[in-house]
Amino acid sequence: MERVFDRPQGSPVRPQERAYGSRDARLKFQTTAATITTAQTVAAAYDYLYVPSQLTNNVGANYTRRFGKYQARFQLNITNILNRDTPDWSGYSVINAGQMTNQSSTTAIAVAGSNPRMQVLTGFQNPEPRKFVFTTTVDF
């Protein structure tokens, strides 16, 4: 279940985003795990990270017609009518300093000659492609 946070009063409006987690305290304050304080951890907890909002447009139409003593219903449903193909992001993960070059350090902010500690979007789902479903129902 996802958590959606209310914006603190006075924070910038991000109409196409939703809160999904908080900033890593070591990244926010550029410090190591040994020197992080409780106050810094609390402050980082309210520094929200946002993922793009997700919107999929669906449309449906139906028509009912009587043929003698039989009633028929024809229905067309179209899902993802705009054929949106961008991933639906679902969270953030921390990549430790040096992890991409196998020199991983869980305490350092940076490792010489390698990647720094960073938070990246992870966990996504691709939306279904556009789909047409035609259904016919006959009542006897």
N, C-alpha and C. Protein backbone atom coordinates (compact mmCIF):
# COMPACT_ATOMS: atom_id res chain seq x y z
N MET A 1 0.84 -1.18 0.00
CA MET A 1 0.00 0.00 0.00
C MET A 1 0.89 1.24 0.00
N GLU A 2 0.62 2.16 -0.86
CA GLU A 2 1.44 3.36 -0.94
C GLU A 2 0.99 4.40 0.06
N ARG A 3 1.95 5.20 0.54
CA ARG A 3 1.63 6.30 1.44
C ARG A 3 1.73 7.59 0.66
N VAL A 4 0.71 8.39 0.73
CA VAL A 4 0.72 9.70 0.09
C VAL A 4 0.72 10.73 1.20
N PHE A 5 1.69 11.64 1.16
CA PHE A 5 1.88 12.61 2.23
C PHE A 5 1.25 13.94 1.88
N ASP A 6 0.74 14.62 2.89
CA ASP A 6 0.29 16.00 2.72
C ASP A 6 1.53 16.88 2.63
N ARG A 7 1.45 17.93 1.83
CA ARG A 7 2.58 18.85 1.71
C ARG A 7 2.65 19.76 2.92
N PRO A 8 3.86 20.00 3.41
CA PRO A 8 4.00 20.98 4.49
C PRO A 8 3.57 22.35 3.98
N GLN A 9 3.01 23.15 4.85
CA GLN A 9 2.54 24.47 4.46
C GLN A 9 3.70 25.29 3.89
N GLY A 10 3.48 25.91 2.73
CA GLY A 10 4.50 26.74 2.10
C GLY A 10 5.42 25.97 1.16
N SER A 11 5.27 24.64 1.05
CA SER A 11 6.14 23.89 0.14
C SER A 11 5.67 24.09 -1.29
N PRO A 12 6.58 23.95 -2.28
CA PRO A 12 6.20 24.17 -3.67
C PRO A 12 5.17 23.13 -4.14
N VAL A 13 4.29 23.55 -5.01
CA VAL A 13 3.27 22.66 -5.55
C VAL A 13 3.87 21.87 -6.71
N ARG A 14 3.67 20.58 -6.69
CA ARG A 14 4.14 19.71 -7.77
C ARG A 14 2.92 18.96 -8.29
N PRO A 15 2.19 19.54 -9.24
CA PRO A 15 0.91 18.97 -9.63
C PRO A 15 0.99 17.59 -10.29
N GLN A 16 2.11 17.25 -10.89
CA GLN A 16 2.20 15.97 -11.59
C GLN A 16 3.04 14.95 -10.82
N GLU A 17 3.15 15.12 -9.50
CA GLU A 17 3.96 14.21 -8.71
C GLU A 17 3.22 13.80 -7.44
N ARG A 18 3.66 12.71 -6.84
CA ARG A 18 3.11 12.27 -5.57
C ARG A 18 4.26 11.84 -4.66
N ALA A 19 4.10 12.08 -3.37
CA ALA A 19 5.14 11.73 -2.41
C ALA A 19 5.26 10.22 -2.30
N TYR A 20 6.48 9.74 -2.26
CA TYR A 20 6.69 8.30 -2.14
C TYR A 20 8.00 8.03 -1.44
N GLY A 21 8.11 8.36 -0.20
CA GLY A 21 9.33 8.11 0.57
C GLY A 21 9.99 9.39 1.01
N SER A 22 11.16 9.26 1.63
CA SER A 22 11.86 10.44 2.12
C SER A 22 13.35 10.32 1.80
N ARG A 23 14.03 11.46 1.90
CA ARG A 23 15.44 11.57 1.58
C ARG A 23 16.30 10.77 2.56
N ASP A 24 17.37 10.17 2.09
CA ASP A 24 18.34 9.47 2.91
C ASP A 24 19.08 10.51 3.75
N ALA A 25 19.11 10.34 5.07
CA ALA A 25 19.72 11.35 5.96
C ALA A 25 21.19 11.58 5.66
N ARG A 26 21.92 10.52 5.32
CA ARG A 26 23.35 10.69 5.03
C ARG A 26 23.57 11.52 3.77
N LEU A 27 22.67 11.40 2.80
CA LEU A 27 22.78 12.22 1.59
C LEU A 27 22.37 13.66 1.85
N LYS A 28 21.29 13.83 2.60
CA LYS A 28 20.80 15.18 2.88
C LYS A 28 21.85 16.02 3.60
N PHE A 29 22.52 15.42 4.58
CA PHE A 29 23.47 16.17 5.39
C PHE A 29 24.93 15.88 5.03
N GLN A 30 25.16 15.08 3.97
CA GLN A 30 26.51 14.77 3.50
C GLN A 30 27.43 14.33 4.64
N THR A 31 27.00 13.30 5.35
CA THR A 31 27.77 12.80 6.49
C THR A 31 27.79 11.27 6.47
N THR A 32 28.64 10.68 7.27
CA THR A 32 28.74 9.22 7.34
C THR A 32 27.75 8.68 8.35
N ALA A 33 27.57 7.35 8.35
CA ALA A 33 26.62 6.72 9.26
C ALA A 33 27.01 6.92 10.72
N ALA A 34 28.30 7.00 11.00
CA ALA A 34 28.76 7.13 12.38
C ALA A 34 28.46 8.50 12.97
N THR A 35 28.34 9.53 12.13
CA THR A 35 28.15 10.89 12.66
C THR A 35 26.74 11.43 12.49
N ILE A 36 25.83 10.63 11.99
CA ILE A 36 24.45 11.11 11.79
C ILE A 36 23.76 11.21 13.16
N THR A 37 23.01 12.27 13.37
CA THR A 37 22.32 12.47 14.64
C THR A 37 20.84 12.14 14.51
N THR A 38 20.19 11.97 15.63
CA THR A 38 18.75 11.69 15.64
C THR A 38 17.98 12.86 15.01
N ALA A 39 18.39 14.09 15.32
CA ALA A 39 17.71 15.27 14.76
C ALA A 39 17.84 15.29 13.24
N GLN A 40 19.00 14.89 12.71
CA GLN A 40 19.18 14.85 11.26
C GLN A 40 18.30 13.77 10.63
N THR A 41 18.20 12.63 11.29
CA THR A 41 17.34 11.55 10.79
C THR A 41 15.88 12.00 10.75
N VAL A 42 15.43 12.70 11.79
CA VAL A 42 14.05 13.20 11.84
C VAL A 42 13.82 14.24 10.75
N ALA A 43 14.78 15.15 10.55
CA ALA A 43 14.65 16.18 9.51
C ALA A 43 14.58 15.56 8.12
N ALA A 44 15.37 14.53 7.89
CA ALA A 44 15.36 13.87 6.58
C ALA A 44 14.05 13.12 6.34
N ALA A 45 13.42 12.66 7.41
CA ALA A 45 12.17 11.90 7.27
C ALA A 45 11.05 12.75 6.67
N TYR A 46 11.13 14.08 6.87
CA TYR A 46 10.11 14.98 6.34
C TYR A 46 10.55 15.69 5.07
N ASP A 47 11.65 15.25 4.48
CA ASP A 47 12.12 15.76 3.19
C ASP A 47 11.68 14.73 2.15
N TYR A 48 10.45 14.89 1.65
CA TYR A 48 9.83 13.89 0.81
C TYR A 48 10.45 13.80 -0.58
N LEU A 49 10.45 12.60 -1.10
CA LEU A 49 10.83 12.35 -2.49
C LEU A 49 9.55 12.09 -3.26
N TYR A 50 9.52 12.52 -4.50
CA TYR A 50 8.30 12.42 -5.29
C TYR A 50 8.52 11.56 -6.53
N VAL A 51 7.49 10.81 -6.90
CA VAL A 51 7.49 10.06 -8.15
C VAL A 51 6.41 10.66 -9.04
N PRO A 52 6.56 10.56 -10.36
CA PRO A 52 5.55 11.12 -11.25
C PRO A 52 4.18 10.46 -11.04
N SER A 53 3.12 11.25 -11.17
CA SER A 53 1.77 10.70 -11.06
C SER A 53 1.48 9.79 -12.25
N GLN A 54 0.50 8.94 -12.06
CA GLN A 54 0.12 8.00 -13.11
C GLN A 54 -1.32 8.27 -13.52
N LEU A 55 -1.54 8.33 -14.81
CA LEU A 55 -2.88 8.54 -15.32
C LEU A 55 -3.07 7.70 -16.57
N THR A 56 -4.07 6.86 -16.56
CA THR A 56 -4.40 6.05 -17.73
C THR A 56 -5.84 6.37 -18.10
N ASN A 57 -6.07 6.69 -19.35
CA ASN A 57 -7.41 7.04 -19.82
C ASN A 57 -8.08 5.82 -20.44
N ASN A 58 -9.29 5.55 -19.98
CA ASN A 58 -10.09 4.45 -20.50
C ASN A 58 -11.43 5.00 -20.96
N VAL A 59 -12.03 4.36 -21.95
CA VAL A 59 -13.32 4.81 -22.46
C VAL A 59 -14.16 3.59 -22.82
N GLY A 60 -15.45 3.73 -22.69
CA GLY A 60 -16.36 2.65 -23.05
C GLY A 60 -17.65 3.19 -23.63
N ALA A 61 -18.25 2.42 -24.51
CA ALA A 61 -19.53 2.79 -25.11
C ALA A 61 -20.34 1.52 -25.33
N ASN A 62 -21.67 1.65 -25.18
CA ASN A 62 -22.51 0.48 -25.47
C ASN A 62 -23.78 0.91 -26.18
N TYR A 63 -24.38 -0.07 -26.85
CA TYR A 63 -25.59 0.16 -27.61
C TYR A 63 -26.48 -1.06 -27.40
N THR A 64 -27.73 -0.81 -27.07
CA THR A 64 -28.69 -1.90 -26.87
C THR A 64 -29.74 -1.86 -27.97
N ARG A 65 -30.08 -3.02 -28.50
CA ARG A 65 -31.03 -3.11 -29.62
C ARG A 65 -31.88 -4.37 -29.45
N ARG A 66 -33.16 -4.24 -29.77
CA ARG A 66 -34.06 -5.38 -29.69
C ARG A 66 -34.23 -5.96 -31.09
N PHE A 67 -34.07 -7.30 -31.20
CA PHE A 67 -34.29 -8.03 -32.45
C PHE A 67 -35.42 -9.02 -32.20
N GLY A 68 -36.64 -8.61 -32.53
CA GLY A 68 -37.81 -9.44 -32.24
C GLY A 68 -37.98 -9.58 -30.75
N LYS A 69 -37.96 -10.82 -30.26
CA LYS A 69 -38.10 -11.02 -28.82
C LYS A 69 -36.75 -11.09 -28.09
N TYR A 70 -35.65 -10.89 -28.80
CA TYR A 70 -34.31 -10.92 -28.20
C TYR A 70 -33.76 -9.51 -28.06
N GLN A 71 -33.07 -9.28 -26.95
CA GLN A 71 -32.42 -7.99 -26.74
C GLN A 71 -30.91 -8.21 -26.78
N ALA A 72 -30.23 -7.42 -27.62
CA ALA A 72 -28.78 -7.54 -27.76
C ALA A 72 -28.11 -6.26 -27.25
N ARG A 73 -26.97 -6.46 -26.65
CA ARG A 73 -26.18 -5.33 -26.17
C ARG A 73 -24.77 -5.45 -26.75
N PHE A 74 -24.31 -4.38 -27.39
CA PHE A 74 -22.98 -4.33 -27.98
C PHE A 74 -22.16 -3.32 -27.18
N GLN A 75 -20.97 -3.72 -26.77
CA GLN A 75 -20.15 -2.85 -25.93
C GLN A 75 -18.71 -2.86 -26.42
N LEU A 76 -18.12 -1.65 -26.49
CA LEU A 76 -16.72 -1.49 -26.85
C LEU A 76 -16.01 -0.77 -25.71
N ASN A 77 -14.97 -1.39 -25.16
CA ASN A 77 -14.14 -0.78 -24.12
C ASN A 77 -12.73 -0.62 -24.66
N ILE A 78 -12.15 0.55 -24.45
CA ILE A 78 -10.77 0.81 -24.86
C ILE A 78 -10.00 1.22 -23.62
N THR A 79 -8.97 0.46 -23.27
CA THR A 79 -8.12 0.81 -22.13
C THR A 79 -6.84 1.45 -22.65
N ASN A 80 -6.32 2.40 -21.88
CA ASN A 80 -5.11 3.15 -22.25
C ASN A 80 -5.28 3.77 -23.64
N ILE A 81 -6.34 4.53 -23.81
CA ILE A 81 -6.70 5.06 -25.12
C ILE A 81 -5.60 5.95 -25.73
N LEU A 82 -4.80 6.61 -24.88
CA LEU A 82 -3.73 7.47 -25.39
C LEU A 82 -2.42 6.71 -25.57
N ASN A 83 -2.44 5.40 -25.28
CA ASN A 83 -1.28 4.51 -25.45
C ASN A 83 -0.07 5.02 -24.67
N ARG A 84 -0.28 5.42 -23.42
CA ARG A 84 0.82 5.88 -22.56
C ARG A 84 1.76 4.73 -22.29
N ASP A 85 3.06 4.94 -22.50
CA ASP A 85 4.02 3.86 -22.33
C ASP A 85 5.16 4.19 -21.36
N THR A 86 4.99 5.24 -20.55
CA THR A 86 6.02 5.57 -19.57
C THR A 86 5.85 4.70 -18.33
N PRO A 87 6.95 4.32 -17.68
CA PRO A 87 6.84 3.43 -16.52
C PRO A 87 6.13 4.11 -15.34
N ASP A 88 5.45 3.31 -14.55
CA ASP A 88 4.82 3.76 -13.31
C ASP A 88 5.80 3.46 -12.18
N TRP A 89 6.52 4.49 -11.72
CA TRP A 89 7.53 4.31 -10.68
C TRP A 89 6.86 4.08 -9.34
N SER A 90 7.49 3.26 -8.50
CA SER A 90 6.86 2.93 -7.22
C SER A 90 7.77 3.13 -6.01
N GLY A 91 8.94 3.74 -6.17
CA GLY A 91 9.75 3.98 -4.98
C GLY A 91 11.18 4.38 -5.29
N TYR A 92 11.96 4.52 -4.22
CA TYR A 92 13.36 4.91 -4.30
C TYR A 92 14.22 3.89 -3.55
N SER A 93 15.45 3.72 -4.01
CA SER A 93 16.43 2.88 -3.31
C SER A 93 17.73 3.65 -3.21
N VAL A 94 18.54 3.27 -2.24
CA VAL A 94 19.86 3.86 -2.06
C VAL A 94 20.89 2.97 -2.74
N ILE A 95 21.76 3.57 -3.54
CA ILE A 95 22.91 2.87 -4.09
C ILE A 95 24.12 3.36 -3.30
N ASN A 96 24.80 2.44 -2.64
CA ASN A 96 25.95 2.82 -1.82
C ASN A 96 27.11 3.32 -2.66
N ALA A 97 27.96 4.12 -2.06
CA ALA A 97 29.14 4.63 -2.74
C ALA A 97 30.00 3.46 -3.20
N GLY A 98 30.42 3.49 -4.46
CA GLY A 98 31.28 2.45 -5.00
C GLY A 98 30.58 1.18 -5.40
N GLN A 99 29.27 1.09 -5.23
CA GLN A 99 28.54 -0.15 -5.50
C GLN A 99 28.58 -0.53 -6.98
N MET A 100 28.61 0.44 -7.87
CA MET A 100 28.58 0.14 -9.30
C MET A 100 29.92 -0.39 -9.82
N THR A 101 30.99 -0.21 -9.08
CA THR A 101 32.30 -0.71 -9.51
C THR A 101 32.85 -1.74 -8.52
N ASN A 102 31.96 -2.34 -7.74
CA ASN A 102 32.31 -3.39 -6.78
C ASN A 102 33.30 -2.92 -5.73
N GLN A 103 33.22 -1.66 -5.34
CA GLN A 103 34.04 -1.11 -4.25
C GLN A 103 33.11 -0.58 -3.17
N SER A 104 32.02 -1.27 -2.93
CA SER A 104 30.94 -0.76 -2.09
C SER A 104 31.38 -0.38 -0.69
N SER A 105 30.87 0.78 -0.25
CA SER A 105 31.09 1.25 1.11
C SER A 105 29.74 1.71 1.66
N THR A 106 29.29 1.05 2.71
CA THR A 106 27.98 1.40 3.27
C THR A 106 28.03 2.65 4.15
N THR A 107 29.25 3.10 4.50
CA THR A 107 29.35 4.26 5.39
C THR A 107 29.79 5.53 4.68
N ALA A 108 30.52 5.42 3.58
CA ALA A 108 31.07 6.60 2.91
C ALA A 108 30.03 7.26 2.01
N ILE A 109 30.22 8.57 1.77
CA ILE A 109 29.38 9.31 0.83
C ILE A 109 29.92 9.15 -0.59
N ALA A 110 31.23 9.03 -0.72
CA ALA A 110 31.86 8.88 -2.03
C ALA A 110 33.06 7.96 -1.94
N VAL A 111 33.36 7.27 -3.04
CA VAL A 111 34.53 6.42 -3.16
C VAL A 111 35.30 6.93 -4.37
N ALA A 112 36.60 7.15 -4.23
CA ALA A 112 37.41 7.69 -5.33
C ALA A 112 37.31 6.80 -6.56
N GLY A 113 37.06 7.44 -7.70
CA GLY A 113 37.00 6.73 -8.97
C GLY A 113 35.75 5.91 -9.17
N SER A 114 34.72 6.16 -8.41
CA SER A 114 33.49 5.38 -8.53
C SER A 114 32.28 6.28 -8.26
N ASN A 115 31.12 5.64 -8.21
CA ASN A 115 29.88 6.40 -8.00
C ASN A 115 29.75 6.86 -6.55
N PRO A 116 29.12 8.03 -6.34
CA PRO A 116 28.83 8.48 -4.97
C PRO A 116 27.58 7.76 -4.45
N ARG A 117 27.31 7.88 -3.17
CA ARG A 117 26.07 7.37 -2.59
C ARG A 117 24.92 8.18 -3.20
N MET A 118 23.86 7.52 -3.65
CA MET A 118 22.75 8.23 -4.28
C MET A 118 21.45 7.48 -4.10
N GLN A 119 20.34 8.22 -4.25
CA GLN A 119 19.01 7.62 -4.24
C GLN A 119 18.46 7.70 -5.65
N VAL A 120 17.94 6.59 -6.13
CA VAL A 120 17.43 6.53 -7.51
C VAL A 120 16.03 5.93 -7.51
N LEU A 121 15.26 6.31 -8.54
CA LEU A 121 13.94 5.71 -8.73
C LEU A 121 14.10 4.22 -9.01
N THR A 122 13.34 3.40 -8.32
CA THR A 122 13.38 1.95 -8.55
C THR A 122 11.98 1.40 -8.48
N GLY A 123 11.85 0.19 -8.89
CA GLY A 123 10.56 -0.47 -8.84
C GLY A 123 9.56 0.20 -9.75
N PHE A 124 9.34 -0.36 -10.92
CA PHE A 124 8.37 0.22 -11.82
C PHE A 124 7.56 -0.86 -12.49
N GLN A 125 6.47 -0.44 -13.06
CA GLN A 125 5.58 -1.33 -13.80
C GLN A 125 5.22 -0.63 -15.10
N ASN A 126 5.30 -1.35 -16.19
CA ASN A 126 4.90 -0.77 -17.47
C ASN A 126 3.39 -0.93 -17.62
N PRO A 127 2.71 0.12 -18.07
CA PRO A 127 1.26 0.01 -18.25
C PRO A 127 0.92 -0.91 -19.43
N GLU A 128 -0.28 -1.46 -19.40
CA GLU A 128 -0.73 -2.28 -20.53
C GLU A 128 -0.82 -1.41 -21.77
N PRO A 129 -0.50 -1.97 -22.94
CA PRO A 129 -0.68 -1.18 -24.16
C PRO A 129 -2.17 -0.98 -24.45
N ARG A 130 -2.47 -0.12 -25.41
CA ARG A 130 -3.87 0.13 -25.77
C ARG A 130 -4.55 -1.19 -26.10
N LYS A 131 -5.77 -1.35 -25.59
CA LYS A 131 -6.48 -2.61 -25.79
C LYS A 131 -7.94 -2.32 -26.12
N PHE A 132 -8.44 -2.98 -27.15
CA PHE A 132 -9.84 -2.88 -27.56
C PHE A 132 -10.55 -4.18 -27.18
N VAL A 133 -11.69 -4.06 -26.50
CA VAL A 133 -12.48 -5.24 -26.15
C VAL A 133 -13.91 -5.00 -26.62
N PHE A 134 -14.38 -5.85 -27.53
CA PHE A 134 -15.75 -5.76 -28.04
C PHE A 134 -16.54 -6.93 -27.48
N THR A 135 -17.67 -6.65 -26.84
CA THR A 135 -18.48 -7.67 -26.20
C THR A 135 -19.91 -7.58 -26.70
N THR A 136 -20.51 -8.73 -26.98
CA THR A 136 -21.91 -8.80 -27.37
C THR A 136 -22.64 -9.71 -26.39
N THR A 137 -23.78 -9.25 -25.90
CA THR A 137 -24.60 -10.01 -24.99
C THR A 137 -26.01 -10.10 -25.57
N VAL A 138 -26.58 -11.31 -25.57
CA VAL A 138 -27.95 -11.50 -26.06
C VAL A 138 -28.78 -12.07 -24.92
N ASP A 139 -29.89 -11.40 -24.59
CA ASP A 139 -30.81 -11.87 -23.56
C ASP A 139 -31.96 -12.63 -24.22
N PHE A 140 -32.26 -13.80 -23.68
CA PHE A 140 -33.36 -14.62 -24.21
C PHE A 140 -34.60 -14.45 -23.39
